[in-house]
Amino acid sequence: MEAEQQKILLNASIKFQEEERQRLAADLHDDAGPLLATARLYLNENLVNQDKATQLQSIAQTRQIIDDTIQLVRNISHSLMPPTLKNFGLESAINDLFQKISGSGCINASSRFHDYNGRLKEEKELIIFRVVQELINNILKHSNSSFIHLTQNVHEDKFYLRIHHDGRGIVQSDFDNLTKSNVGLGLKNITSRLRLVQGKINFEKDISQAYYKVTLELPRDKTDD
């Protein structure tokens, strides 16, 4: 059963990576390709034979197209590594995410970091951020919560993130069953990502039965900044 579970997780990871590659390839082909092809039309061999006013107009239009392409590529790059995460770290990126959610006025979202004294490795922060995004997305889509609250702390050599919400949720047995089934690709992706950083995840209902809690646990490596 363990071998079968590992196979399922590996297939989920491969499928996720392939979907990401296909999405990026489609964005570049469908958006960047036509823009660059159009820029090339303006910079044809007849440009030198045109009058100066036409030349300047063609150059200006080409420059605008190139600027648009640069912005497009920048947007694609940001989808892979959000700029707030890259420049300021996990705490700022998650706080920014929760502020945007709360700003919608539909749900009370808050986050608080207690022990984020030094940044983790960049690739680890990205994995954690993507996992949090997937968890929050599922809560927003399925739970009908009135609040989401995230806390962070460090205990001994472990890094913890906990997400609480008061809507419909799942417990660990539900999560395990979903990751073994043919549905729940997003949950399989969470497990696959966490395996890359030796992380664990636990879904439970609070003893008060008032809300659900999701806990992420990761080892804090000596090489983390």
C-alpha atoms as a PDB file:
ATOM      1  CA  MET A   1       0.000   0.000   0.000  1.00  0.00           C
ATOM      2  CA  GLU A   2       2.879   2.331   0.774  1.00  0.00           C
ATOM      3  CA  ALA A   3       4.383   1.718  -2.666  1.00  0.00           C
ATOM      4  CA  GLU A   4       1.027   2.421  -4.287  1.00  0.00           C
ATOM      5  CA  GLN A   5       0.644   5.625  -2.273  1.00  0.00           C
ATOM      6  CA  GLN A   6       4.115   6.777  -3.306  1.00  0.00           C
ATOM      7  CA  LYS A   7       3.218   6.049  -6.929  1.00  0.00           C
ATOM      8  CA  ILE A   8       0.047   8.126  -6.629  1.00  0.00           C
ATOM      9  CA  LEU A   9       1.989  11.047  -5.117  1.00  0.00           C
ATOM     10  CA  LEU A  10       4.701  10.833  -7.745  1.00  0.00           C
ATOM     11  CA  ASN A  11       2.129  10.780 -10.550  1.00  0.00           C
ATOM     12  CA  ALA A  12       0.366  13.784  -8.992  1.00  0.00           C
ATOM     13  CA  SER A  13       3.646  15.699  -8.813  1.00  0.00           C
ATOM     14  CA  ILE A  14       4.520  14.849 -12.415  1.00  0.00           C
ATOM     15  CA  LYS A  15       1.029  15.794 -13.598  1.00  0.00           C
ATOM     16  CA  PHE A  16       1.200  19.110 -11.746  1.00  0.00           C
ATOM     17  CA  GLN A  17       4.602  19.946 -13.214  1.00  0.00           C
ATOM     18  CA  GLU A  18       3.414  19.018 -16.700  1.00  0.00           C
ATOM     19  CA  GLU A  19       0.306  21.201 -16.324  1.00  0.00           C
ATOM     20  CA  GLU A  20       2.521  24.101 -15.217  1.00  0.00           C
ATOM     21  CA  ARG A  21       4.792  23.629 -18.238  1.00  0.00           C
ATOM     22  CA  GLN A  22       1.831  23.439 -20.603  1.00  0.00           C
ATOM     23  CA  ARG A  23       0.319  26.604 -19.114  1.00  0.00           C
ATOM     24  CA  LEU A  24       3.570  28.518 -19.468  1.00  0.00           C
ATOM     25  CA  ALA A  25       4.081  27.226 -22.996  1.00  0.00           C
ATOM     26  CA  ALA A  26       0.539  28.296 -23.919  1.00  0.00           C
ATOM     27  CA  ASP A  27       1.020  31.769 -22.405  1.00  0.00           C
ATOM     28  CA  LEU A  28       4.280  32.295 -24.284  1.00  0.00           C
ATOM     29  CA  HIS A  29       2.965  30.872 -27.566  1.00  0.00           C
ATOM     30  CA  ASP A  30      -0.434  32.595 -27.545  1.00  0.00           C
ATOM     31  CA  ASP A  31       0.595  35.956 -26.088  1.00  0.00           C
ATOM     32  CA  ALA A  32       4.314  36.621 -26.435  1.00  0.00           C
ATOM     33  CA  GLY A  33       4.636  34.966 -29.848  1.00  0.00           C
ATOM     34  CA  PRO A  34       2.154  37.186 -31.705  1.00  0.00           C
ATOM     35  CA  LEU A  35       3.528  40.328 -30.040  1.00  0.00           C
ATOM     36  CA  LEU A  36       7.090  39.589 -31.136  1.00  0.00           C
ATOM     37  CA  ALA A  37       5.915  38.601 -34.617  1.00  0.00           C
ATOM     38  CA  THR A  38       4.105  41.939 -34.902  1.00  0.00           C
ATOM     39  CA  ALA A  39       7.196  43.831 -33.757  1.00  0.00           C
ATOM     40  CA  ARG A  40       9.165  42.069 -36.469  1.00  0.00           C
ATOM     41  CA  LEU A  41       6.691  43.318 -39.092  1.00  0.00           C
ATOM     42  CA  TYR A  42       7.480  46.915 -38.178  1.00  0.00           C
ATOM     43  CA  LEU A  43      11.231  46.274 -38.354  1.00  0.00           C
ATOM     44  CA  ASN A  44      11.321  45.011 -41.924  1.00  0.00           C
ATOM     45  CA  GLU A  45      13.904  45.712 -44.600  1.00  0.00           C
ATOM     46  CA  ASN A  46      11.745  48.483 -46.113  1.00  0.00           C
ATOM     47  CA  LEU A  47      12.059  50.580 -42.985  1.00  0.00           C
ATOM     48  CA  VAL A  48      15.257  52.259 -44.242  1.00  0.00           C
ATOM     49  CA  ASN A  49      13.493  53.362 -47.430  1.00  0.00           C
ATOM     50  CA  GLN A  50      10.613  55.043 -45.630  1.00  0.00           C
ATOM     51  CA  ASP A  51      10.464  58.738 -44.844  1.00  0.00           C
ATOM     52  CA  LYS A  52      11.634  59.853 -41.418  1.00  0.00           C
ATOM     53  CA  ALA A  53       8.153  60.427 -39.990  1.00  0.00           C
ATOM     54  CA  THR A  54       7.081  56.899 -40.941  1.00  0.00           C
ATOM     55  CA  GLN A  55      10.297  55.477 -39.554  1.00  0.00           C
ATOM     56  CA  LEU A  56       9.780  57.228 -36.222  1.00  0.00           C
ATOM     57  CA  GLN A  57       6.178  56.006 -36.063  1.00  0.00           C
ATOM     58  CA  SER A  58       7.248  52.411 -36.790  1.00  0.00           C
ATOM     59  CA  ILE A  59       9.987  52.583 -34.162  1.00  0.00           C
ATOM     60  CA  ALA A  60       7.561  53.998 -31.586  1.00  0.00           C
ATOM     61  CA  GLN A  61       5.014  51.258 -32.315  1.00  0.00           C
ATOM     62  CA  THR A  62       7.712  48.595 -32.121  1.00  0.00           C
ATOM     63  CA  ARG A  63       8.921  49.948 -28.811  1.00  0.00           C
ATOM     64  CA  GLN A  64       5.390  49.825 -27.389  1.00  0.00           C
ATOM     65  CA  ILE A  65       4.987  46.221 -28.527  1.00  0.00           C
ATOM     66  CA  ILE A  66       8.313  45.278 -26.945  1.00  0.00           C
ATOM     67  CA  ASP A  67       7.283  47.023 -23.702  1.00  0.00           C
ATOM     68  CA  ASP A  68       4.029  45.046 -23.734  1.00  0.00           C
ATOM     69  CA  THR A  69       5.979  41.826 -24.255  1.00  0.00           C
ATOM     70  CA  ILE A  70       8.342  42.651 -21.389  1.00  0.00           C
ATOM     71  CA  GLN A  71       5.349  43.240 -19.114  1.00  0.00           C
ATOM     72  CA  LEU A  72       3.793  39.963 -20.238  1.00  0.00           C
ATOM     73  CA  VAL A  73       6.953  38.006 -19.487  1.00  0.00           C
ATOM     74  CA  ARG A  74       7.235  39.803 -16.151  1.00  0.00           C
ATOM     75  CA  ASN A  75       3.672  38.761 -15.286  1.00  0.00           C
ATOM     76  CA  ILE A  76       4.448  35.158 -16.170  1.00  0.00           C
ATOM     77  CA  SER A  77       7.581  35.325 -14.037  1.00  0.00           C
ATOM     78  CA  HIS A  78       5.616  36.760 -11.118  1.00  0.00           C
ATOM     79  CA  SER A  79       3.156  33.878 -11.328  1.00  0.00           C
ATOM     80  CA  LEU A  80       6.100  31.547 -10.696  1.00  0.00           C
ATOM     81  CA  MET A  81       7.709  33.636  -7.953  1.00  0.00           C
ATOM     82  CA  PRO A  82       5.503  36.457  -6.603  1.00  0.00           C
ATOM     83  CA  PRO A  83       7.621  39.620  -6.225  1.00  0.00           C
ATOM     84  CA  THR A  84       6.563  40.204  -2.604  1.00  0.00           C
ATOM     85  CA  LEU A  85       7.711  36.702  -1.729  1.00  0.00           C
ATOM     86  CA  LYS A  86      10.997  37.060  -3.582  1.00  0.00           C
ATOM     87  CA  ASN A  87      11.870  40.498  -2.229  1.00  0.00           C
ATOM     88  CA  PHE A  88      10.452  40.450   1.295  1.00  0.00           C
ATOM     89  CA  GLY A  89       9.869  36.824   2.244  1.00  0.00           C
ATOM     90  CA  LEU A  90       7.115  34.486   3.323  1.00  0.00           C
ATOM     91  CA  GLU A  91       5.646  36.666   6.060  1.00  0.00           C
ATOM     92  CA  SER A  92       5.082  39.649   3.758  1.00  0.00           C
ATOM     93  CA  ALA A  93       3.705  37.475   0.943  1.00  0.00           C
ATOM     94  CA  ILE A  94       1.193  35.702   3.185  1.00  0.00           C
ATOM     95  CA  ASN A  95       0.174  38.928   4.945  1.00  0.00           C
ATOM     96  CA  ASP A  96      -0.380  40.515   1.532  1.00  0.00           C
ATOM     97  CA  LEU A  97      -2.498  37.531   0.427  1.00  0.00           C
ATOM     98  CA  PHE A  98      -4.665  37.708   3.555  1.00  0.00           C
ATOM     99  CA  GLN A  99      -5.073  41.484   3.308  1.00  0.00           C
ATOM    100  CA  LYS A 100      -6.368  41.119  -0.239  1.00  0.00           C
ATOM    101  CA  ILE A 101      -8.829  38.409   0.839  1.00  0.00           C
ATOM    102  CA  SER A 102     -10.046  40.470   3.788  1.00  0.00           C
ATOM    103  CA  GLY A 103     -10.286  43.544   1.570  1.00  0.00           C
ATOM    104  CA  SER A 104     -12.970  41.820  -0.495  1.00  0.00           C
ATOM    105  CA  GLY A 105     -15.352  42.303   2.428  1.00  0.00           C
ATOM    106  CA  CYS A 106     -16.652  38.739   2.053  1.00  0.00           C
ATOM    107  CA  ILE A 107     -14.613  37.065   4.782  1.00  0.00           C
ATOM    108  CA  ASN A 108     -12.488  38.129   7.739  1.00  0.00           C
ATOM    109  CA  ALA A 109      -8.923  36.984   6.971  1.00  0.00           C
ATOM    110  CA  SER A 110      -5.921  37.640   9.194  1.00  0.00           C
ATOM    111  CA  SER A 111      -2.392  36.304   9.678  1.00  0.00           C
ATOM    112  CA  ARG A 112       0.257  36.699  12.344  1.00  0.00           C
ATOM    113  CA  PHE A 113       3.873  35.554  12.368  1.00  0.00           C
ATOM    114  CA  HIS A 114       5.469  35.109  15.804  1.00  0.00           C
ATOM    115  CA  ASP A 115       8.903  33.609  15.091  1.00  0.00           C
ATOM    116  CA  TYR A 116       9.877  34.660  11.588  1.00  0.00           C
ATOM    117  CA  ASN A 117      13.224  36.074  12.632  1.00  0.00           C
ATOM    118  CA  GLY A 118      15.177  34.846   9.616  1.00  0.00           C
ATOM    119  CA  ARG A 119      14.038  33.853   6.142  1.00  0.00           C
ATOM    120  CA  LEU A 120      13.895  30.260   5.032  1.00  0.00           C
ATOM    121  CA  LYS A 121      15.570  29.139   1.832  1.00  0.00           C
ATOM    122  CA  GLU A 122      13.906  30.677  -1.211  1.00  0.00           C
ATOM    123  CA  GLU A 123      12.700  27.395  -2.685  1.00  0.00           C
ATOM    124  CA  LYS A 124      11.237  26.337   0.673  1.00  0.00           C
ATOM    125  CA  GLU A 125       9.381  29.631   1.045  1.00  0.00           C
ATOM    126  CA  LEU A 126       7.909  29.223  -2.431  1.00  0.00           C
ATOM    127  CA  ILE A 127       6.702  25.687  -1.662  1.00  0.00           C
ATOM    128  CA  ILE A 128       5.114  26.807   1.618  1.00  0.00           C
ATOM    129  CA  PHE A 129       3.456  29.778  -0.078  1.00  0.00           C
ATOM    130  CA  ARG A 130       1.986  27.602  -2.844  1.00  0.00           C
ATOM    131  CA  VAL A 131       0.661  25.129  -0.263  1.00  0.00           C
ATOM    132  CA  VAL A 132      -0.946  27.963   1.708  1.00  0.00           C
ATOM    133  CA  GLN A 133      -2.478  29.337  -1.502  1.00  0.00           C
ATOM    134  CA  GLU A 134      -4.015  25.941  -2.313  1.00  0.00           C
ATOM    135  CA  LEU A 135      -5.359  25.508   1.217  1.00  0.00           C
ATOM    136  CA  ILE A 136      -6.853  29.006   1.274  1.00  0.00           C
ATOM    137  CA  ASN A 137      -8.338  28.499  -2.181  1.00  0.00           C
ATOM    138  CA  ASN A 138     -10.058  25.305  -1.013  1.00  0.00           C
ATOM    139  CA  ILE A 139     -11.405  27.040   2.102  1.00  0.00           C
ATOM    140  CA  LEU A 140     -12.765  29.941   0.051  1.00  0.00           C
ATOM    141  CA  LYS A 141     -14.376  27.587  -2.478  1.00  0.00           C
ATOM    142  CA  HIS A 142     -15.831  24.919  -0.235  1.00  0.00           C
ATOM    143  CA  SER A 143     -16.075  25.903   3.427  1.00  0.00           C
ATOM    144  CA  ASN A 144     -18.426  28.899   3.554  1.00  0.00           C
ATOM    145  CA  SER A 145     -16.325  30.267   6.436  1.00  0.00           C
ATOM    146  CA  SER A 146     -16.798  33.642   8.072  1.00  0.00           C
ATOM    147  CA  PHE A 147     -13.127  33.862   9.064  1.00  0.00           C
ATOM    148  CA  ILE A 148      -9.700  32.449   8.235  1.00  0.00           C
ATOM    149  CA  HIS A 149      -6.778  32.996  10.586  1.00  0.00           C
ATOM    150  CA  LEU A 150      -3.170  31.911  10.068  1.00  0.00           C
ATOM    151  CA  THR A 151      -0.481  31.813  12.724  1.00  0.00           C
ATOM    152  CA  GLN A 152       3.218  30.948  12.495  1.00  0.00           C
ATOM    153  CA  ASN A 153       5.650  29.863  15.142  1.00  0.00           C
ATOM    154  CA  VAL A 154       8.839  27.888  15.651  1.00  0.00           C
ATOM    155  CA  HIS A 155       9.283  25.226  18.308  1.00  0.00           C
ATOM    156  CA  GLU A 156      12.711  23.680  18.762  1.00  0.00           C
ATOM    157  CA  ASP A 157      13.782  22.698  15.214  1.00  0.00           C
ATOM    158  CA  LYS A 158      10.281  22.765  13.677  1.00  0.00           C
ATOM    159  CA  PHE A 159       8.570  25.517  11.663  1.00  0.00           C
ATOM    160  CA  TYR A 160       4.769  25.578  12.025  1.00  0.00           C
ATOM    161  CA  LEU A 161       1.940  27.271  10.164  1.00  0.00           C
ATOM    162  CA  ARG A 162      -1.639  26.813  11.379  1.00  0.00           C
ATOM    163  CA  ILE A 163      -4.775  27.839   9.542  1.00  0.00           C
ATOM    164  CA  HIS A 164      -8.087  28.066  11.426  1.00  0.00           C
ATOM    165  CA  HIS A 165     -11.514  28.557   9.893  1.00  0.00           C
ATOM    166  CA  ASP A 166     -15.109  28.169  11.055  1.00  0.00           C
ATOM    167  CA  GLY A 167     -16.677  26.649   7.932  1.00  0.00           C
ATOM    168  CA  ARG A 168     -17.058  23.164   6.538  1.00  0.00           C
ATOM    169  CA  GLY A 169     -13.776  21.310   6.660  1.00  0.00           C
ATOM    170  CA  ILE A 170     -12.080  17.946   6.598  1.00  0.00           C
ATOM    171  CA  VAL A 171     -10.129  15.861   9.093  1.00  0.00           C
ATOM    172  CA  GLN A 172      -7.014  13.811   8.448  1.00  0.00           C
ATOM    173  CA  SER A 173      -8.874  10.632   7.457  1.00  0.00           C
ATOM    174  CA  ASP A 174     -10.791  12.605   4.802  1.00  0.00           C
ATOM    175  CA  PHE A 175      -7.540  14.045   3.483  1.00  0.00           C
ATOM    176  CA  ASP A 176      -5.877  10.620   3.338  1.00  0.00           C
ATOM    177  CA  ASN A 177      -8.843   9.134   1.467  1.00  0.00           C
ATOM    178  CA  LEU A 178      -8.973  11.998  -1.018  1.00  0.00           C
ATOM    179  CA  THR A 179      -5.253  11.779  -1.813  1.00  0.00           C
ATOM    180  CA  LYS A 180      -5.645   8.055  -2.518  1.00  0.00           C
ATOM    181  CA  SER A 181      -8.601   8.592  -4.841  1.00  0.00           C
ATOM    182  CA  ASN A 182      -8.825   9.802  -8.422  1.00  0.00           C
ATOM    183  CA  VAL A 183     -10.101  13.195  -7.269  1.00  0.00           C
ATOM    184  CA  GLY A 184      -8.498  15.887  -5.163  1.00  0.00           C
ATOM    185  CA  LEU A 185      -5.567  16.740  -7.436  1.00  0.00           C
ATOM    186  CA  GLY A 186      -4.988  19.932  -5.484  1.00  0.00           C
ATOM    187  CA  LEU A 187      -4.589  17.940  -2.266  1.00  0.00           C
ATOM    188  CA  LYS A 188      -2.221  15.517  -4.001  1.00  0.00           C
ATOM    189  CA  ASN A 189      -0.176  18.506  -5.140  1.00  0.00           C
ATOM    190  CA  ILE A 190       0.019  19.716  -1.534  1.00  0.00           C
ATOM    191  CA  THR A 191       1.398  16.361  -0.430  1.00  0.00           C
ATOM    192  CA  SER A 192       3.848  16.240  -3.325  1.00  0.00           C
ATOM    193  CA  ARG A 193       5.147  19.743  -2.568  1.00  0.00           C
ATOM    194  CA  LEU A 194       5.565  19.038   1.141  1.00  0.00           C
ATOM    195  CA  ARG A 195       7.508  15.867   0.448  1.00  0.00           C
ATOM    196  CA  LEU A 196      10.135  18.001  -1.272  1.00  0.00           C
ATOM    197  CA  VAL A 197      10.822  19.810   2.018  1.00  0.00           C
ATOM    198  CA  GLN A 198      10.163  16.859   4.375  1.00  0.00           C
ATOM    199  CA  GLY A 199       6.994  18.586   5.526  1.00  0.00           C
ATOM    200  CA  LYS A 200       3.851  17.187   7.142  1.00  0.00           C
ATOM    201  CA  ILE A 201       0.239  18.317   7.135  1.00  0.00           C
ATOM    202  CA  ASN A 202      -2.549  17.564   9.565  1.00  0.00           C
ATOM    203  CA  PHE A 203      -6.270  18.317   9.277  1.00  0.00           C
ATOM    204  CA  GLU A 204      -8.380  18.263  12.440  1.00  0.00           C
ATOM    205  CA  LYS A 205     -11.409  19.715  14.157  1.00  0.00           C
ATOM    206  CA  ASP A 206     -10.719  21.723  17.281  1.00  0.00           C
ATOM    207  CA  ILE A 207     -11.659  20.188  20.603  1.00  0.00           C
ATOM    208  CA  SER A 208     -14.283  22.912  20.972  1.00  0.00           C
ATOM    209  CA  GLN A 209     -15.838  21.679  17.704  1.00  0.00           C
ATOM    210  CA  ALA A 210     -16.140  25.353  16.749  1.00  0.00           C
ATOM    211  CA  TYR A 211     -13.611  25.419  13.909  1.00  0.00           C
ATOM    212  CA  TYR A 212     -11.249  23.380  11.754  1.00  0.00           C
ATOM    213  CA  LYS A 213      -7.474  23.570  11.911  1.00  0.00           C
ATOM    214  CA  VAL A 214      -4.804  22.730   9.347  1.00  0.00           C
ATOM    215  CA  THR A 215      -1.229  22.448  10.598  1.00  0.00           C
ATOM    216  CA  LEU A 216       1.894  22.498   8.440  1.00  0.00           C
ATOM    217  CA  GLU A 217       5.069  21.221  10.068  1.00  0.00           C
ATOM    218  CA  LEU A 218       8.486  21.536   8.456  1.00  0.00           C
ATOM    219  CA  PRO A 219      12.009  20.963   9.713  1.00  0.00           C
ATOM    220  CA  ARG A 220      13.972  24.171  10.114  1.00  0.00           C
ATOM    221  CA  ASP A 221      17.265  23.414   8.408  1.00  0.00           C
ATOM    222  CA  LYS A 222      20.558  24.815   9.587  1.00  0.00           C
ATOM    223  CA  THR A 223      20.992  26.228   6.091  1.00  0.00           C
ATOM    224  CA  ASP A 224      17.847  28.371   6.371  1.00  0.00           C
ATOM    225  CA  ASP A 225      18.828  32.033   6.532  1.00  0.00           C
END
